[in-house]
Amino acid sequence: MTEIRGRGRAAFAGVLLMVGGFLNIVYGIAAIGNSHFFARDTHYVFSNLKTWGWITLILGILEIVASMSLFTGGDFGRWFGIVIGSLAAIGALLDIPSYPLLSLAIFFLSLWIVQGLAVYREPTAYQAGEQTRADAT
C-alpha cells in the first residue's frame, strides 16, 4: 500500500512537472516573440523580456525532460525533478515583473512538485511485510 502511495505521488509530481513545463514553454515562446500578453516597459532583474523568454523556454524543456525521467523510475529522475522544480520556482519569482499572477501560480506549482518529490520514500521491509500479510487475509 505504501509503495503504491509513494509511486502515485511521484507520478502525480511528474504530471505536474509536465504541465509546468508546457506552460513555461508557451510563455517562453511568447516572451521571445515580444507578445502583447506581457506588460510593457517593465524593469527586469537581469536583461530584458527576450532573455527571460529564453530562460523560461529552456526551463520548460528541462521540466519536460525531468517529467519523462520520473516516469521511467529511479532516483535520478526524482533528484533531477527536485532540482529542475526548484530552478523553475526561482525562475518564476524572477519573472514577476512580466506577468505577476501567472508567475506566482507557476511558483506555487513548482513548490508543490518539489514537495511531492521530496517526501517520496521507498517502503521499508517492515511495511512490505505488512502489505503481504494484509493481502493474505
N, C-alpha and C. Protein backbone atom coordinates (compact mmCIF):
# COMPACT_ATOMS: atom_id res chain seq x y z
N MET A 1 0.81 -1.19 0.00
CA MET A 1 0.00 0.00 0.00
C MET A 1 0.86 1.26 0.00
N THR A 2 1.91 1.29 0.84
CA THR A 2 2.77 2.47 0.88
C THR A 2 3.55 2.62 -0.41
N GLU A 3 3.89 1.50 -1.06
CA GLU A 3 4.62 1.57 -2.33
C GLU A 3 3.74 2.21 -3.40
N ILE A 4 2.46 1.85 -3.39
CA ILE A 4 1.53 2.42 -4.36
C ILE A 4 1.37 3.90 -4.10
N ARG A 5 1.23 4.29 -2.82
CA ARG A 5 1.10 5.70 -2.50
C ARG A 5 2.34 6.48 -2.90
N GLY A 6 3.52 5.92 -2.65
CA GLY A 6 4.77 6.60 -2.99
C GLY A 6 4.92 6.77 -4.49
N ARG A 7 4.65 5.72 -5.26
CA ARG A 7 4.75 5.82 -6.71
C ARG A 7 3.66 6.72 -7.28
N GLY A 8 2.49 6.72 -6.66
CA GLY A 8 1.43 7.60 -7.11
C GLY A 8 1.79 9.06 -6.90
N ARG A 9 2.46 9.35 -5.79
CA ARG A 9 2.88 10.72 -5.51
C ARG A 9 3.94 11.16 -6.52
N ALA A 10 4.87 10.27 -6.86
CA ALA A 10 5.90 10.61 -7.85
C ALA A 10 5.28 10.78 -9.24
N ALA A 11 4.30 9.95 -9.57
CA ALA A 11 3.63 10.08 -10.87
C ALA A 11 2.84 11.38 -10.94
N PHE A 12 2.17 11.73 -9.84
CA PHE A 12 1.43 12.99 -9.80
C PHE A 12 2.37 14.18 -9.94
N ALA A 13 3.50 14.12 -9.26
CA ALA A 13 4.50 15.19 -9.39
C ALA A 13 5.04 15.23 -10.81
N GLY A 14 5.19 14.07 -11.46
CA GLY A 14 5.65 14.04 -12.84
C GLY A 14 4.65 14.68 -13.79
N VAL A 15 3.37 14.45 -13.56
CA VAL A 15 2.34 15.07 -14.39
C VAL A 15 2.34 16.58 -14.17
N LEU A 16 2.45 17.01 -12.92
CA LEU A 16 2.50 18.45 -12.64
C LEU A 16 3.75 19.08 -13.24
N LEU A 17 4.86 18.35 -13.21
CA LEU A 17 6.10 18.85 -13.81
C LEU A 17 5.92 19.02 -15.31
N MET A 18 5.21 18.09 -15.94
CA MET A 18 4.96 18.19 -17.37
C MET A 18 4.05 19.38 -17.69
N VAL A 19 3.02 19.58 -16.87
CA VAL A 19 2.12 20.73 -17.08
C VAL A 19 2.89 22.04 -16.92
N GLY A 20 3.70 22.13 -15.85
CA GLY A 20 4.51 23.33 -15.66
C GLY A 20 5.51 23.53 -16.79
N GLY A 21 6.06 22.45 -17.31
CA GLY A 21 6.99 22.54 -18.43
C GLY A 21 6.31 23.08 -19.68
N PHE A 22 5.11 22.58 -19.98
CA PHE A 22 4.39 23.08 -21.15
C PHE A 22 4.02 24.55 -20.98
N LEU A 23 3.61 24.93 -19.76
CA LEU A 23 3.30 26.34 -19.51
C LEU A 23 4.53 27.22 -19.72
N ASN A 24 5.67 26.78 -19.19
CA ASN A 24 6.89 27.57 -19.35
C ASN A 24 7.34 27.63 -20.81
N ILE A 25 7.14 26.57 -21.56
CA ILE A 25 7.49 26.60 -22.99
C ILE A 25 6.62 27.61 -23.73
N VAL A 26 5.32 27.59 -23.47
CA VAL A 26 4.41 28.53 -24.14
C VAL A 26 4.75 29.97 -23.77
N TYR A 27 4.96 30.23 -22.47
CA TYR A 27 5.27 31.60 -22.05
C TYR A 27 6.66 32.03 -22.50
N GLY A 28 7.58 31.10 -22.59
CA GLY A 28 8.91 31.43 -23.10
C GLY A 28 8.86 31.83 -24.56
N ILE A 29 8.11 31.09 -25.36
CA ILE A 29 7.96 31.43 -26.78
C ILE A 29 7.26 32.78 -26.94
N ALA A 30 6.24 33.02 -26.11
CA ALA A 30 5.53 34.31 -26.17
C ALA A 30 6.45 35.46 -25.78
N ALA A 31 7.31 35.25 -24.80
CA ALA A 31 8.22 36.31 -24.37
C ALA A 31 9.30 36.56 -25.42
N ILE A 32 9.78 35.52 -26.07
CA ILE A 32 10.79 35.69 -27.12
C ILE A 32 10.21 36.50 -28.28
N GLY A 33 8.93 36.27 -28.58
CA GLY A 33 8.27 36.97 -29.68
C GLY A 33 7.74 38.33 -29.30
N ASN A 34 8.05 38.84 -28.10
CA ASN A 34 7.56 40.14 -27.62
C ASN A 34 6.05 40.25 -27.73
N SER A 35 5.35 39.25 -27.25
CA SER A 35 3.90 39.21 -27.31
C SER A 35 3.29 40.37 -26.53
N HIS A 36 2.09 40.77 -26.93
CA HIS A 36 1.39 41.84 -26.22
C HIS A 36 0.77 41.35 -24.92
N PHE A 37 0.93 40.08 -24.64
CA PHE A 37 0.42 39.48 -23.40
C PHE A 37 1.15 40.03 -22.19
N PHE A 38 2.43 40.36 -22.35
CA PHE A 38 3.25 40.81 -21.23
C PHE A 38 3.18 42.32 -21.07
N ALA A 39 3.39 42.77 -19.85
CA ALA A 39 3.37 44.21 -19.54
C ALA A 39 4.56 44.90 -20.21
N ARG A 40 4.31 46.05 -20.75
CA ARG A 40 5.37 46.81 -21.43
C ARG A 40 6.14 47.67 -20.43
N ASP A 41 7.33 48.05 -20.80
CA ASP A 41 8.18 48.98 -20.03
C ASP A 41 8.39 48.52 -18.58
N THR A 42 8.62 47.24 -18.39
CA THR A 42 8.93 46.75 -17.05
C THR A 42 10.43 46.60 -16.92
N HIS A 43 10.90 46.67 -15.70
CA HIS A 43 12.33 46.51 -15.44
C HIS A 43 12.56 45.11 -14.88
N TYR A 44 13.50 44.41 -15.45
CA TYR A 44 13.78 43.04 -15.07
C TYR A 44 15.05 42.99 -14.24
N VAL A 45 15.17 41.95 -13.45
CA VAL A 45 16.34 41.78 -12.62
C VAL A 45 17.58 41.65 -13.49
N PHE A 46 17.50 40.84 -14.54
CA PHE A 46 18.58 40.65 -15.49
C PHE A 46 18.04 40.89 -16.89
N SER A 47 18.69 41.72 -17.66
CA SER A 47 18.46 41.87 -19.09
C SER A 47 17.04 42.32 -19.43
N ASN A 48 16.42 41.68 -20.46
CA ASN A 48 15.12 42.13 -20.95
C ASN A 48 14.16 40.95 -21.11
N LEU A 49 13.01 41.21 -21.73
CA LEU A 49 11.96 40.20 -21.87
C LEU A 49 12.41 39.02 -22.73
N LYS A 50 13.16 39.28 -23.79
CA LYS A 50 13.60 38.19 -24.66
C LYS A 50 14.56 37.24 -23.92
N THR A 51 15.43 37.79 -23.12
CA THR A 51 16.35 36.95 -22.36
C THR A 51 15.58 36.05 -21.39
N TRP A 52 14.61 36.62 -20.70
CA TRP A 52 13.81 35.82 -19.78
C TRP A 52 12.94 34.83 -20.54
N GLY A 53 12.57 35.16 -21.75
CA GLY A 53 11.84 34.21 -22.57
C GLY A 53 12.68 32.98 -22.88
N TRP A 54 13.95 33.20 -23.21
CA TRP A 54 14.84 32.07 -23.48
C TRP A 54 15.09 31.24 -22.23
N ILE A 55 15.27 31.92 -21.10
CA ILE A 55 15.48 31.19 -19.84
C ILE A 55 14.24 30.37 -19.49
N THR A 56 13.06 30.95 -19.65
CA THR A 56 11.82 30.24 -19.35
C THR A 56 11.62 29.07 -20.31
N LEU A 57 11.96 29.27 -21.57
CA LEU A 57 11.83 28.19 -22.56
C LEU A 57 12.76 27.02 -22.22
N ILE A 58 13.99 27.31 -21.86
CA ILE A 58 14.94 26.25 -21.51
C ILE A 58 14.50 25.53 -20.24
N LEU A 59 14.01 26.29 -19.25
CA LEU A 59 13.49 25.65 -18.02
C LEU A 59 12.30 24.75 -18.34
N GLY A 60 11.44 25.19 -19.24
CA GLY A 60 10.29 24.38 -19.62
C GLY A 60 10.71 23.07 -20.28
N ILE A 61 11.70 23.15 -21.16
CA ILE A 61 12.20 21.93 -21.82
C ILE A 61 12.81 21.00 -20.78
N LEU A 62 13.58 21.55 -19.85
CA LEU A 62 14.18 20.72 -18.80
C LEU A 62 13.11 20.10 -17.89
N GLU A 63 12.01 20.82 -17.67
CA GLU A 63 10.92 20.25 -16.88
C GLU A 63 10.28 19.07 -17.60
N ILE A 64 10.11 19.17 -18.90
CA ILE A 64 9.56 18.05 -19.67
C ILE A 64 10.50 16.85 -19.60
N VAL A 65 11.80 17.10 -19.75
CA VAL A 65 12.79 16.01 -19.65
C VAL A 65 12.74 15.38 -18.26
N ALA A 66 12.62 16.21 -17.22
CA ALA A 66 12.57 15.69 -15.85
C ALA A 66 11.31 14.86 -15.63
N SER A 67 10.19 15.28 -16.20
CA SER A 67 8.97 14.50 -16.02
C SER A 67 9.06 13.17 -16.73
N MET A 68 9.67 13.14 -17.91
CA MET A 68 9.88 11.87 -18.61
C MET A 68 10.82 10.96 -17.81
N SER A 69 11.82 11.56 -17.20
CA SER A 69 12.74 10.80 -16.37
C SER A 69 12.04 10.23 -15.14
N LEU A 70 11.09 10.97 -14.59
CA LEU A 70 10.32 10.47 -13.45
C LEU A 70 9.47 9.27 -13.83
N PHE A 71 8.92 9.28 -15.03
CA PHE A 71 8.06 8.18 -15.44
C PHE A 71 8.85 6.89 -15.68
N THR A 72 10.14 7.02 -15.97
CA THR A 72 10.95 5.81 -16.13
C THR A 72 11.34 5.22 -14.79
N GLY A 73 11.21 5.98 -13.71
CA GLY A 73 11.52 5.49 -12.37
C GLY A 73 12.98 5.70 -12.02
N GLY A 74 13.32 5.40 -10.79
CA GLY A 74 14.70 5.55 -10.33
C GLY A 74 14.92 6.84 -9.57
N ASP A 75 16.02 6.86 -8.87
CA ASP A 75 16.35 8.02 -8.05
C ASP A 75 16.82 9.22 -8.87
N PHE A 76 17.45 8.96 -10.03
CA PHE A 76 17.93 10.08 -10.83
C PHE A 76 16.77 11.00 -11.24
N GLY A 77 15.67 10.41 -11.67
CA GLY A 77 14.52 11.20 -12.10
C GLY A 77 13.95 12.03 -10.96
N ARG A 78 13.93 11.45 -9.78
CA ARG A 78 13.40 12.18 -8.62
C ARG A 78 14.30 13.36 -8.27
N TRP A 79 15.61 13.13 -8.19
CA TRP A 79 16.52 14.22 -7.85
C TRP A 79 16.59 15.27 -8.95
N PHE A 80 16.56 14.82 -10.21
CA PHE A 80 16.56 15.77 -11.33
C PHE A 80 15.28 16.60 -11.30
N GLY A 81 14.15 15.98 -10.96
CA GLY A 81 12.89 16.71 -10.84
C GLY A 81 12.92 17.73 -9.73
N ILE A 82 13.54 17.38 -8.60
CA ILE A 82 13.64 18.33 -7.49
C ILE A 82 14.49 19.53 -7.89
N VAL A 83 15.62 19.28 -8.55
CA VAL A 83 16.49 20.38 -8.96
C VAL A 83 15.80 21.28 -9.98
N ILE A 84 15.20 20.68 -11.00
CA ILE A 84 14.54 21.47 -12.04
C ILE A 84 13.31 22.18 -11.49
N GLY A 85 12.54 21.52 -10.61
CA GLY A 85 11.40 22.18 -9.98
C GLY A 85 11.83 23.37 -9.14
N SER A 86 12.95 23.25 -8.45
CA SER A 86 13.47 24.37 -7.67
C SER A 86 13.92 25.52 -8.57
N LEU A 87 14.60 25.18 -9.67
CA LEU A 87 15.01 26.22 -10.61
C LEU A 87 13.81 26.90 -11.25
N ALA A 88 12.77 26.13 -11.54
CA ALA A 88 11.55 26.72 -12.11
C ALA A 88 10.88 27.65 -11.11
N ALA A 89 10.91 27.29 -9.82
CA ALA A 89 10.34 28.17 -8.79
C ALA A 89 11.11 29.48 -8.70
N ILE A 90 12.43 29.39 -8.73
CA ILE A 90 13.25 30.61 -8.69
C ILE A 90 13.03 31.44 -9.95
N GLY A 91 12.99 30.78 -11.10
CA GLY A 91 12.73 31.49 -12.36
C GLY A 91 11.37 32.17 -12.37
N ALA A 92 10.37 31.52 -11.79
CA ALA A 92 9.03 32.12 -11.74
C ALA A 92 9.03 33.37 -10.86
N LEU A 93 9.78 33.34 -9.77
CA LEU A 93 9.86 34.54 -8.93
C LEU A 93 10.56 35.69 -9.63
N LEU A 94 11.55 35.36 -10.45
CA LEU A 94 12.25 36.41 -11.17
C LEU A 94 11.46 36.91 -12.38
N ASP A 95 10.42 36.18 -12.78
CA ASP A 95 9.56 36.61 -13.89
C ASP A 95 8.40 37.48 -13.45
N ILE A 96 8.30 37.78 -12.18
CA ILE A 96 7.15 38.53 -11.67
C ILE A 96 6.92 39.86 -12.38
N PRO A 97 7.94 40.63 -12.80
CA PRO A 97 7.65 41.88 -13.48
C PRO A 97 6.88 41.71 -14.80
N SER A 98 7.05 40.60 -15.49
CA SER A 98 6.38 40.46 -16.78
C SER A 98 4.95 39.94 -16.66
N TYR A 99 4.68 39.03 -15.74
CA TYR A 99 3.31 38.55 -15.53
C TYR A 99 3.19 38.07 -14.08
N PRO A 100 2.75 38.97 -13.19
CA PRO A 100 2.82 38.70 -11.76
C PRO A 100 1.95 37.53 -11.27
N LEU A 101 0.68 37.49 -11.59
CA LEU A 101 -0.18 36.42 -11.07
C LEU A 101 0.20 35.07 -11.64
N LEU A 102 0.53 35.03 -12.90
CA LEU A 102 0.91 33.78 -13.52
C LEU A 102 2.23 33.27 -12.96
N SER A 103 3.15 34.18 -12.68
CA SER A 103 4.43 33.79 -12.08
C SER A 103 4.22 33.19 -10.69
N LEU A 104 3.34 33.78 -9.92
CA LEU A 104 3.07 33.23 -8.59
C LEU A 104 2.40 31.86 -8.69
N ALA A 105 1.52 31.68 -9.67
CA ALA A 105 0.87 30.38 -9.86
C ALA A 105 1.91 29.31 -10.23
N ILE A 106 2.83 29.64 -11.13
CA ILE A 106 3.87 28.69 -11.52
C ILE A 106 4.83 28.45 -10.35
N PHE A 107 5.08 29.47 -9.55
CA PHE A 107 5.93 29.31 -8.37
C PHE A 107 5.33 28.29 -7.40
N PHE A 108 4.04 28.44 -7.09
CA PHE A 108 3.41 27.51 -6.15
C PHE A 108 3.27 26.12 -6.75
N LEU A 109 3.04 26.02 -8.05
CA LEU A 109 3.02 24.72 -8.72
C LEU A 109 4.38 24.04 -8.60
N SER A 110 5.45 24.80 -8.78
CA SER A 110 6.80 24.24 -8.66
C SER A 110 7.09 23.81 -7.23
N LEU A 111 6.64 24.58 -6.24
CA LEU A 111 6.82 24.17 -4.85
C LEU A 111 6.07 22.89 -4.54
N TRP A 112 4.90 22.73 -5.10
CA TRP A 112 4.10 21.53 -4.90
C TRP A 112 4.80 20.31 -5.50
N ILE A 113 5.42 20.52 -6.66
CA ILE A 113 6.17 19.45 -7.31
C ILE A 113 7.36 19.04 -6.45
N VAL A 114 8.13 20.01 -5.98
CA VAL A 114 9.31 19.72 -5.16
C VAL A 114 8.90 19.01 -3.88
N GLN A 115 7.82 19.45 -3.26
CA GLN A 115 7.35 18.79 -2.04
C GLN A 115 6.94 17.35 -2.32
N GLY A 116 6.24 17.13 -3.42
CA GLY A 116 5.81 15.78 -3.76
C GLY A 116 6.97 14.84 -4.04
N LEU A 117 8.02 15.36 -4.63
CA LEU A 117 9.19 14.53 -4.92
C LEU A 117 10.08 14.35 -3.69
N ALA A 118 10.11 15.33 -2.82
CA ALA A 118 11.00 15.26 -1.66
C ALA A 118 10.48 14.30 -0.59
N VAL A 119 9.19 14.15 -0.46
CA VAL A 119 8.65 13.28 0.59
C VAL A 119 8.48 11.84 0.14
N TYR A 120 8.78 11.54 -1.11
CA TYR A 120 8.66 10.17 -1.62
C TYR A 120 9.71 9.29 -0.95
N ARG A 121 9.29 8.15 -0.43
CA ARG A 121 10.21 7.21 0.20
C ARG A 121 9.87 5.81 -0.26
N GLU A 122 10.90 5.00 -0.40
CA GLU A 122 10.70 3.59 -0.71
C GLU A 122 10.14 2.90 0.53
N PRO A 123 9.25 1.93 0.37
CA PRO A 123 8.74 1.23 1.55
C PRO A 123 9.83 0.40 2.21
N THR A 124 9.77 0.34 3.52
CA THR A 124 10.74 -0.47 4.26
C THR A 124 10.32 -1.93 4.22
N ALA A 125 11.20 -2.82 4.67
CA ALA A 125 10.89 -4.24 4.67
C ALA A 125 9.72 -4.53 5.62
N TYR A 126 9.65 -3.79 6.71
CA TYR A 126 8.56 -3.98 7.66
C TYR A 126 7.22 -3.63 7.00
N GLN A 127 7.18 -2.51 6.28
CA GLN A 127 5.94 -2.11 5.62
C GLN A 127 5.58 -3.09 4.51
N ALA A 128 6.55 -3.60 3.79
CA ALA A 128 6.29 -4.57 2.74
C ALA A 128 5.74 -5.85 3.34
N GLY A 129 6.23 -6.26 4.52
CA GLY A 129 5.72 -7.44 5.21
C GLY A 129 4.28 -7.25 5.65
N GLU A 130 3.94 -6.04 6.11
CA GLU A 130 2.57 -5.74 6.49
C GLU A 130 1.63 -5.87 5.30
N GLN A 131 2.09 -5.39 4.16
CA GLN A 131 1.27 -5.46 2.95
C GLN A 131 1.03 -6.91 2.54
N THR A 132 2.06 -7.76 2.65
CA THR A 132 1.92 -9.16 2.28
C THR A 132 0.94 -9.86 3.21
N ARG A 133 1.03 -9.59 4.52
CA ARG A 133 0.11 -10.19 5.47
C ARG A 133 -1.32 -9.70 5.25
N ALA A 134 -1.48 -8.45 4.91
CA ALA A 134 -2.82 -7.90 4.68
C ALA A 134 -3.43 -8.50 3.43
N ASP A 135 -2.61 -8.76 2.39
CA ASP A 135 -3.11 -9.35 1.17
C ASP A 135 -3.48 -10.82 1.38
N ALA A 136 -2.81 -11.50 2.31
CA ALA A 136 -3.05 -12.93 2.54
C ALA A 136 -4.38 -13.18 3.23
N THR A 137 -4.88 -12.20 3.98
CA THR A 137 -6.15 -12.40 4.69
C THR A 137 -7.34 -12.03 3.88
